Amino acid sequence: MYPENSSEWFERPVYDKLLEIILSLLVVGILLGVAFPYYSAALIKTISAEAMMVSATGRLAVHEHYAMTGRWLSQSNVQEQIINNENLTIEINQGAATVVFPESKQLRLKGKKLTYRPVVQPNELGMTIEWICGYTQISDHQVIGIDSTDILAENLPWHCRKKLDN
């Protein structure tokens, strides 16, 4: 089937070479067709996880305002530049920090929102403030702000779509 030296390959009939090339392209196409959906899903989860780092500026502003005034920051907008020179907008509303993905981001995230909300947990020293994101639900603690997340749960990092039982 395979020629012993390279000059024999050129002596084979054209249809034989063409069939080999077509089969090779078919195998590559099938492999790409199987791999692309998994790659796309991983890319979307990476971009939405990146929002957690970017939202730290907005969450810090909310936390500091609450520490100084005893009230939650009601409204503010913060522009954060991320690694690949895209600008995400962080909207602060009633204590919740919402990351708005730009129009030029991944198609399934275009214009979507991911909300981080503070959770107040009383303890022996006063209280602790932690943050939950997306569709996370928590019981027995006061969650501040309104969740305006509109990204599909399957496109969020795992910690933004689970229920926390405390």
Protein backbone atom coordinates (compact mmCIF):
# COMPACT_ATOMS: atom_id res chain seq x y z
CA MET A 1 0.00 0.00 0.00
CA TYR A 2 2.71 2.50 0.96
CA PRO A 3 5.56 3.09 -1.46
CA GLU A 4 9.03 2.21 -0.28
CA ASN A 5 10.58 5.38 -1.62
CA SER A 6 9.12 8.81 -2.21
CA SER A 7 9.31 8.65 -6.01
CA GLU A 8 6.76 5.80 -6.06
CA TRP A 9 4.14 8.06 -4.43
CA PHE A 10 4.19 10.31 -7.50
CA GLU A 11 3.74 7.31 -9.79
CA ARG A 12 0.43 6.21 -8.20
CA PRO A 13 -2.80 7.07 -10.01
CA VAL A 14 -4.29 10.49 -9.26
CA TYR A 15 -7.55 9.08 -7.89
CA ASP A 16 -5.57 7.08 -5.32
CA LYS A 17 -3.85 10.24 -4.03
CA LEU A 18 -7.10 12.19 -4.11
CA LEU A 19 -8.90 9.52 -2.09
CA GLU A 20 -6.13 9.58 0.53
CA ILE A 21 -6.31 13.37 0.83
CA ILE A 22 -10.12 13.36 1.08
CA LEU A 23 -10.09 10.70 3.79
CA SER A 24 -7.47 12.63 5.75
CA LEU A 25 -9.55 15.82 5.56
CA LEU A 26 -12.66 13.88 6.60
CA VAL A 27 -10.93 12.51 9.71
CA VAL A 28 -9.63 15.99 10.64
CA GLY A 29 -13.11 17.46 10.10
CA ILE A 30 -14.74 14.87 12.35
CA LEU A 31 -12.17 15.47 15.09
CA LEU A 32 -12.72 19.24 14.92
CA GLY A 33 -16.48 18.78 14.90
CA VAL A 34 -16.29 16.77 18.11
CA ALA A 35 -13.73 18.99 19.87
CA PHE A 36 -15.12 22.45 19.04
CA PRO A 37 -18.24 22.41 21.29
CA TYR A 38 -16.11 21.41 24.29
CA TYR A 39 -13.56 24.11 23.53
CA SER A 40 -16.29 26.72 23.10
CA ALA A 41 -17.91 25.81 26.44
CA ALA A 42 -14.55 25.93 28.22
CA LEU A 43 -13.81 29.33 26.68
CA ILE A 44 -17.13 30.77 27.86
CA LYS A 45 -16.60 29.46 31.40
CA THR A 46 -13.10 30.96 31.42
CA ILE A 47 -14.39 34.37 30.34
CA SER A 48 -17.16 34.33 32.95
CA ALA A 49 -14.67 33.23 35.64
CA GLU A 50 -12.43 36.12 34.58
CA ALA A 51 -15.30 38.41 35.57
CA MET A 52 -14.78 37.39 39.19
CA MET A 53 -11.30 38.91 39.19
CA VAL A 54 -12.45 42.01 37.34
CA SER A 55 -15.41 42.57 39.67
CA ALA A 56 -13.06 42.83 42.66
CA THR A 57 -12.82 46.61 42.12
CA GLY A 58 -16.58 47.05 42.36
CA ARG A 59 -16.93 44.65 45.27
CA LEU A 60 -14.17 46.48 47.15
CA ALA A 61 -15.94 49.82 46.58
CA VAL A 62 -19.17 48.38 47.99
CA HIS A 63 -17.39 46.85 50.97
CA GLU A 64 -15.48 50.05 51.81
CA HIS A 65 -18.60 52.21 51.49
CA TYR A 66 -20.46 49.90 53.86
CA ALA A 67 -17.58 49.89 56.35
CA MET A 68 -17.41 53.70 56.39
CA THR A 69 -21.12 54.59 56.30
CA GLY A 70 -23.01 51.50 57.46
CA ARG A 71 -25.09 51.66 54.25
CA TRP A 72 -24.79 49.74 51.01
CA LEU A 73 -23.57 51.62 47.96
CA SER A 74 -26.69 52.31 45.90
CA GLN A 75 -25.39 53.23 42.45
CA SER A 76 -22.05 53.50 40.71
CA ASN A 77 -20.38 52.49 37.46
CA VAL A 78 -16.79 51.28 37.17
CA GLN A 79 -14.89 50.56 33.96
CA GLU A 80 -12.26 47.83 34.32
CA GLN A 81 -9.76 46.93 31.65
CA ILE A 82 -8.89 43.27 31.49
CA ILE A 83 -5.96 41.39 30.03
CA ASN A 84 -7.04 41.29 26.38
CA ASN A 85 -7.86 45.04 26.26
CA GLU A 86 -11.62 44.57 26.46
CA ASN A 87 -13.55 46.82 28.82
CA LEU A 88 -16.07 45.30 31.18
CA THR A 89 -18.53 47.56 32.92
CA ILE A 90 -19.22 46.97 36.59
CA GLU A 91 -22.55 48.38 37.72
CA ILE A 92 -23.20 48.81 41.43
CA ASN A 93 -26.87 48.72 42.40
CA GLN A 94 -28.25 48.31 45.93
CA GLY A 95 -24.99 46.75 47.13
CA ALA A 96 -24.71 44.20 44.31
CA ALA A 97 -21.87 44.41 41.77
CA THR A 98 -22.93 43.39 38.25
CA VAL A 99 -20.38 42.71 35.50
CA VAL A 100 -21.69 43.59 32.03
CA PHE A 101 -19.86 41.83 29.20
CA PRO A 102 -19.03 44.00 26.17
CA GLU A 103 -20.57 43.54 22.74
CA SER A 104 -17.28 42.27 21.33
CA LYS A 105 -16.97 39.34 23.76
CA GLN A 106 -17.79 35.72 22.98
CA LEU A 107 -21.13 35.54 21.13
CA ARG A 108 -23.01 33.76 23.92
CA LEU A 109 -21.85 36.36 26.48
CA LYS A 110 -22.46 39.45 24.36
CA GLY A 111 -24.21 42.05 26.55
CA LYS A 112 -24.94 39.50 29.31
CA LYS A 113 -24.65 40.19 33.04
CA LEU A 114 -23.17 38.37 36.02
CA THR A 115 -24.06 39.65 39.49
CA TYR A 116 -22.04 39.36 42.70
CA ARG A 117 -24.06 39.97 45.87
CA PRO A 118 -22.82 40.48 49.43
CA VAL A 119 -23.99 38.07 52.12
CA VAL A 120 -24.06 39.32 55.71
CA GLN A 121 -23.23 36.65 58.29
CA PRO A 122 -23.47 37.67 61.95
CA ASN A 123 -20.76 36.24 64.21
CA GLU A 124 -19.30 36.81 67.69
CA LEU A 125 -17.21 39.78 66.49
CA GLY A 126 -20.07 41.53 64.70
CA MET A 127 -20.50 40.32 61.16
CA THR A 128 -18.71 38.95 58.14
CA ILE A 129 -19.38 39.90 54.53
CA GLU A 130 -18.90 37.27 51.86
CA TRP A 131 -19.84 37.33 48.18
CA ILE A 132 -21.95 34.99 46.11
CA CYS A 133 -22.39 35.12 42.36
CA GLY A 134 -24.88 34.20 39.67
CA TYR A 135 -27.63 31.82 40.60
CA THR A 136 -26.08 30.80 43.91
CA GLN A 137 -28.68 30.52 46.63
CA ILE A 138 -27.89 30.64 50.32
CA SER A 139 -30.07 30.07 53.34
CA ASP A 140 -29.99 31.46 56.89
CA HIS A 141 -28.10 34.64 55.93
CA GLN A 142 -29.06 38.06 54.62
CA VAL A 143 -28.30 38.43 50.90
CA ILE A 144 -28.04 42.06 49.76
CA GLY A 145 -28.99 43.36 46.31
CA ILE A 146 -30.86 41.98 43.35
CA ASP A 147 -29.49 39.21 41.14
CA SER A 148 -29.62 40.40 37.52
CA THR A 149 -27.55 37.50 36.10
CA ASP A 150 -28.85 36.50 32.67
CA ILE A 151 -26.13 34.06 31.58
CA LEU A 152 -27.20 30.45 31.17
CA ALA A 153 -26.25 28.43 34.26
CA GLU A 154 -24.27 25.97 32.13
CA ASN A 155 -21.98 28.82 31.04
CA LEU A 156 -21.12 29.90 34.59
CA PRO A 157 -18.33 28.62 36.82
CA TRP A 158 -19.60 25.92 39.19
CA HIS A 159 -19.57 28.16 42.26
CA CYS A 160 -22.03 30.57 40.59
CA ARG A 161 -24.76 27.99 39.98
CA LYS A 162 -24.97 25.94 43.16
CA LYS A 163 -27.07 26.16 46.29
CA LEU A 164 -25.14 26.75 49.51
CA ASP A 165 -26.57 25.19 52.66
CA ASN A 166 -25.18 26.92 55.71
